[in-house]
């Protein structure tokens, strides 16, 4: 069973796009060249803001749906918290 990643992208117009994949790098490249989806084709992706690894497709779809239900403010809080936790983990690894 493959692990899945739920991701949030920032688009050129500052909108946020949430999706799932088994390979974030490949999927981001697809979005960049216009092969990702209708939304990202017209809104042009800029950056991966958030990733979350989940155990399977079912879990990924449920988590994606939950994130899509969040307000923009809550999504930005989720991204900020994840980045803060990531930086904290990175600081600990260097010690």
N, C-alpha and C. Protein backbone atom coordinates (compact mmCIF):
# COMPACT_ATOMS: atom_id res chain seq x y z
N UNK A 1 0.84 -1.18 0.00
CA UNK A 1 0.00 0.00 0.00
C UNK A 1 0.88 1.25 0.00
N UNK A 2 0.68 2.16 -0.94
CA UNK A 2 1.48 3.38 -1.05
C UNK A 2 0.98 4.45 -0.10
N UNK A 3 1.93 5.18 0.48
CA UNK A 3 1.57 6.35 1.28
C UNK A 3 1.16 7.47 0.33
N UNK A 4 0.28 8.30 0.79
CA UNK A 4 -0.17 9.45 0.02
C UNK A 4 0.22 10.72 0.73
N UNK A 5 0.30 11.80 -0.03
CA UNK A 5 0.58 13.11 0.54
C UNK A 5 -0.55 14.05 0.19
N UNK A 6 -1.04 14.75 1.20
CA UNK A 6 -1.99 15.83 1.00
C UNK A 6 -1.15 17.10 0.92
N UNK A 7 -1.42 17.96 -0.04
CA UNK A 7 -0.59 19.14 -0.22
C UNK A 7 -1.45 20.38 -0.46
N UNK A 8 -0.86 21.52 -0.12
CA UNK A 8 -1.48 22.82 -0.41
C UNK A 8 -0.48 23.63 -1.21
N UNK A 9 -0.94 24.17 -2.34
CA UNK A 9 -0.12 25.00 -3.20
C UNK A 9 -0.60 26.45 -3.15
N UNK A 10 0.34 27.37 -3.31
CA UNK A 10 -0.04 28.77 -3.48
C UNK A 10 -0.01 29.06 -4.98
N UNK A 11 -1.05 29.71 -5.45
CA UNK A 11 -1.13 30.08 -6.86
C UNK A 11 -0.70 31.53 -7.05
N UNK A 12 -0.45 31.89 -8.30
CA UNK A 12 0.03 33.23 -8.63
C UNK A 12 -0.89 34.32 -8.10
N UNK A 13 -2.19 34.08 -8.08
CA UNK A 13 -3.15 35.07 -7.59
C UNK A 13 -3.34 35.01 -6.07
N UNK A 14 -2.47 34.27 -5.38
CA UNK A 14 -2.46 34.11 -3.92
C UNK A 14 -3.56 33.15 -3.42
N UNK A 15 -4.28 32.54 -4.33
CA UNK A 15 -5.26 31.53 -3.91
C UNK A 15 -4.52 30.26 -3.51
N UNK A 16 -5.23 29.38 -2.79
CA UNK A 16 -4.66 28.13 -2.30
C UNK A 16 -5.35 26.96 -2.99
N UNK A 17 -4.58 25.95 -3.34
CA UNK A 17 -5.11 24.75 -3.98
C UNK A 17 -4.69 23.55 -3.14
N UNK A 18 -5.63 22.68 -2.82
CA UNK A 18 -5.36 21.47 -2.04
C UNK A 18 -5.58 20.24 -2.90
N UNK A 19 -4.66 19.28 -2.81
CA UNK A 19 -4.78 18.04 -3.57
C UNK A 19 -4.08 16.89 -2.87
N UNK A 20 -4.09 15.72 -3.52
CA UNK A 20 -3.40 14.54 -2.99
C UNK A 20 -2.56 13.92 -4.09
N UNK A 21 -1.52 13.20 -3.68
CA UNK A 21 -0.65 12.52 -4.64
C UNK A 21 0.20 11.48 -3.92
N UNK A 22 0.83 10.62 -4.71
CA UNK A 22 1.82 9.69 -4.15
C UNK A 22 3.23 10.22 -4.36
N UNK A 23 3.36 11.29 -5.16
CA UNK A 23 4.68 11.87 -5.46
C UNK A 23 4.52 13.38 -5.61
N UNK A 24 4.84 14.11 -4.57
CA UNK A 24 4.62 15.57 -4.55
C UNK A 24 5.45 16.27 -5.61
N UNK A 25 6.69 15.90 -5.77
CA UNK A 25 7.56 16.56 -6.75
C UNK A 25 7.01 16.40 -8.17
N UNK A 26 6.64 15.17 -8.53
CA UNK A 26 6.07 14.92 -9.85
C UNK A 26 4.79 15.72 -10.05
N UNK A 27 3.91 15.69 -9.05
CA UNK A 27 2.62 16.36 -9.17
C UNK A 27 2.79 17.87 -9.29
N UNK A 28 3.72 18.44 -8.51
CA UNK A 28 3.97 19.87 -8.60
C UNK A 28 4.44 20.24 -10.00
N UNK A 29 5.33 19.45 -10.57
CA UNK A 29 5.81 19.69 -11.93
C UNK A 29 4.66 19.62 -12.93
N UNK A 30 3.74 18.68 -12.72
CA UNK A 30 2.56 18.58 -13.60
C UNK A 30 1.72 19.86 -13.50
N UNK A 31 1.53 20.34 -12.28
CA UNK A 31 0.78 21.59 -12.11
C UNK A 31 1.50 22.75 -12.81
N UNK A 32 2.81 22.81 -12.71
CA UNK A 32 3.58 23.90 -13.32
C UNK A 32 3.42 23.96 -14.83
N UNK A 33 3.33 22.80 -15.47
CA UNK A 33 3.21 22.78 -16.94
C UNK A 33 1.76 22.71 -17.42
N UNK A 34 0.81 22.87 -16.50
CA UNK A 34 -0.59 22.92 -16.90
C UNK A 34 -1.27 21.58 -17.02
N UNK A 35 -0.68 20.52 -16.47
CA UNK A 35 -1.28 19.19 -16.56
C UNK A 35 -1.82 18.71 -15.21
N UNK A 36 -1.91 19.63 -14.24
CA UNK A 36 -2.35 19.24 -12.90
C UNK A 36 -3.85 19.17 -12.75
N UNK A 37 -4.53 20.17 -13.16
CA UNK A 37 -5.98 20.22 -13.01
C UNK A 37 -6.50 21.53 -13.57
N UNK A 38 -7.80 21.61 -13.72
CA UNK A 38 -8.41 22.81 -14.30
C UNK A 38 -8.09 24.06 -13.50
N UNK A 39 -8.20 23.97 -12.17
CA UNK A 39 -7.98 25.15 -11.34
C UNK A 39 -6.56 25.66 -11.48
N UNK A 40 -5.59 24.77 -11.34
CA UNK A 40 -4.19 25.22 -11.38
C UNK A 40 -3.75 25.60 -12.79
N UNK A 41 -4.43 25.09 -13.78
CA UNK A 41 -4.12 25.49 -15.16
C UNK A 41 -4.45 26.97 -15.36
N UNK A 42 -5.53 27.42 -14.76
CA UNK A 42 -5.93 28.81 -14.94
C UNK A 42 -5.38 29.75 -13.86
N UNK A 43 -4.95 29.21 -12.73
CA UNK A 43 -4.45 30.05 -11.64
C UNK A 43 -2.93 29.99 -11.46
N UNK A 44 -2.25 29.12 -12.18
CA UNK A 44 -0.78 28.99 -12.19
C UNK A 44 -0.19 28.86 -10.78
N UNK A 45 0.34 27.71 -10.50
CA UNK A 45 0.94 27.45 -9.18
C UNK A 45 2.30 28.13 -9.06
N UNK A 46 2.66 28.45 -7.81
CA UNK A 46 3.91 29.13 -7.53
C UNK A 46 4.79 28.31 -6.58
N UNK A 47 4.16 27.75 -5.54
CA UNK A 47 4.95 27.16 -4.47
C UNK A 47 4.15 26.11 -3.71
N UNK A 48 4.85 25.09 -3.21
CA UNK A 48 4.25 24.13 -2.29
C UNK A 48 4.36 24.74 -0.90
N UNK A 49 3.21 24.92 -0.24
CA UNK A 49 3.20 25.52 1.09
C UNK A 49 3.10 24.50 2.21
N UNK A 50 2.50 23.34 1.92
CA UNK A 50 2.17 22.40 2.99
C UNK A 50 2.13 20.99 2.43
N UNK A 51 2.67 20.05 3.18
CA UNK A 51 2.52 18.63 2.84
C UNK A 51 2.25 17.86 4.12
N UNK A 52 1.46 16.82 3.98
CA UNK A 52 1.12 15.94 5.10
C UNK A 52 1.02 14.52 4.57
N UNK A 53 1.84 13.64 5.09
CA UNK A 53 1.83 12.25 4.64
C UNK A 53 0.77 11.48 5.41
N UNK A 54 -0.03 10.72 4.68
CA UNK A 54 -1.07 9.87 5.28
C UNK A 54 -0.89 8.45 4.76
N UNK A 55 -1.52 7.48 5.43
CA UNK A 55 -1.20 6.08 5.14
C UNK A 55 -1.76 5.52 3.83
N UNK A 56 -2.91 6.04 3.37
CA UNK A 56 -3.50 5.46 2.17
C UNK A 56 -4.40 6.48 1.46
N UNK A 57 -4.90 6.08 0.29
CA UNK A 57 -5.73 6.97 -0.53
C UNK A 57 -7.00 7.41 0.20
N UNK A 58 -7.63 6.49 0.89
CA UNK A 58 -8.86 6.82 1.61
C UNK A 58 -8.61 7.91 2.66
N UNK A 59 -7.55 7.75 3.42
CA UNK A 59 -7.19 8.75 4.43
C UNK A 59 -6.85 10.08 3.78
N UNK A 60 -6.17 10.02 2.64
CA UNK A 60 -5.78 11.24 1.93
C UNK A 60 -7.02 11.99 1.43
N UNK A 61 -7.96 11.27 0.87
CA UNK A 61 -9.18 11.91 0.37
C UNK A 61 -9.98 12.54 1.51
N UNK A 62 -10.04 11.86 2.64
CA UNK A 62 -10.76 12.42 3.80
C UNK A 62 -10.06 13.66 4.32
N UNK A 63 -8.73 13.63 4.41
CA UNK A 63 -7.98 14.78 4.91
C UNK A 63 -8.07 15.93 3.93
N UNK A 64 -7.99 15.65 2.63
CA UNK A 64 -8.14 16.68 1.61
C UNK A 64 -9.49 17.38 1.75
N UNK A 65 -10.54 16.60 1.90
CA UNK A 65 -11.88 17.16 2.04
C UNK A 65 -11.98 18.03 3.30
N UNK A 66 -11.36 17.58 4.39
CA UNK A 66 -11.38 18.34 5.64
C UNK A 66 -10.65 19.68 5.47
N UNK A 67 -9.52 19.65 4.81
CA UNK A 67 -8.76 20.89 4.59
C UNK A 67 -9.53 21.82 3.67
N UNK A 68 -10.15 21.29 2.63
CA UNK A 68 -10.92 22.13 1.70
C UNK A 68 -12.10 22.81 2.39
N UNK A 69 -12.61 22.20 3.46
CA UNK A 69 -13.71 22.81 4.21
C UNK A 69 -13.25 23.95 5.11
N UNK A 70 -11.96 24.04 5.37
CA UNK A 70 -11.43 25.09 6.23
C UNK A 70 -11.52 26.45 5.53
N UNK A 71 -11.66 27.50 6.32
CA UNK A 71 -11.59 28.84 5.75
C UNK A 71 -10.15 29.13 5.33
N UNK A 72 -9.98 30.15 4.55
CA UNK A 72 -8.63 30.54 4.13
C UNK A 72 -7.75 30.83 5.35
N UNK A 73 -8.31 31.53 6.33
CA UNK A 73 -7.56 31.86 7.54
C UNK A 73 -7.09 30.59 8.25
N UNK A 74 -7.96 29.61 8.38
CA UNK A 74 -7.60 28.35 9.04
C UNK A 74 -6.55 27.58 8.24
N UNK A 75 -6.65 27.62 6.92
CA UNK A 75 -5.64 26.96 6.08
C UNK A 75 -4.27 27.61 6.30
N UNK A 76 -4.25 28.94 6.35
CA UNK A 76 -2.99 29.65 6.57
C UNK A 76 -2.42 29.34 7.95
N UNK A 77 -3.29 29.19 8.95
CA UNK A 77 -2.84 28.80 10.29
C UNK A 77 -2.23 27.40 10.26
N UNK A 78 -2.87 26.49 9.55
CA UNK A 78 -2.37 25.12 9.42
C UNK A 78 -0.97 25.14 8.79
N UNK A 79 -0.81 25.92 7.74
CA UNK A 79 0.49 26.04 7.05
C UNK A 79 1.53 26.63 7.99
N UNK A 80 1.17 27.70 8.67
CA UNK A 80 2.11 28.37 9.59
C UNK A 80 2.54 27.43 10.72
N UNK A 81 1.58 26.71 11.30
CA UNK A 81 1.90 25.77 12.38
C UNK A 81 2.82 24.66 11.89
N UNK A 82 2.57 24.15 10.70
CA UNK A 82 3.41 23.08 10.14
C UNK A 82 4.82 23.58 9.89
N UNK A 83 4.94 24.80 9.37
CA UNK A 83 6.26 25.37 9.11
C UNK A 83 7.01 25.61 10.41
N UNK A 84 6.30 26.09 11.43
CA UNK A 84 6.92 26.33 12.73
C UNK A 84 7.41 25.01 13.34
N UNK A 85 6.59 23.98 13.26
CA UNK A 85 6.98 22.67 13.80
C UNK A 85 8.14 22.08 13.02
N UNK A 86 8.15 22.28 11.72
CA UNK A 86 9.24 21.78 10.89
C UNK A 86 10.55 22.46 11.24
N UNK A 87 10.51 23.76 11.42
CA UNK A 87 11.72 24.50 11.80
C UNK A 87 12.20 24.05 13.16
N UNK A 88 11.28 23.82 14.08
CA UNK A 88 11.64 23.36 15.43
C UNK A 88 12.33 22.00 15.35
N UNK A 89 11.79 21.10 14.55
CA UNK A 89 12.40 19.77 14.39
C UNK A 89 13.78 19.88 13.76
N UNK A 90 13.92 20.77 12.78
CA UNK A 90 15.21 20.96 12.12
C UNK A 90 16.26 21.51 13.08
N UNK A 91 15.85 22.41 13.94
CA UNK A 91 16.78 22.97 14.93
C UNK A 91 17.24 21.86 15.87
N UNK A 92 16.33 21.01 16.31
CA UNK A 92 16.69 19.91 17.21
C UNK A 92 17.65 18.94 16.53
N UNK A 93 17.46 18.67 15.26
CA UNK A 93 18.32 17.71 14.55
C UNK A 93 19.75 18.20 14.48
N UNK A 94 19.94 19.51 14.44
CA UNK A 94 21.28 20.07 14.34
C UNK A 94 22.05 19.98 15.65
N UNK A 95 21.36 19.87 16.76
CA UNK A 95 22.03 19.81 18.09
C UNK A 95 22.80 18.54 18.28
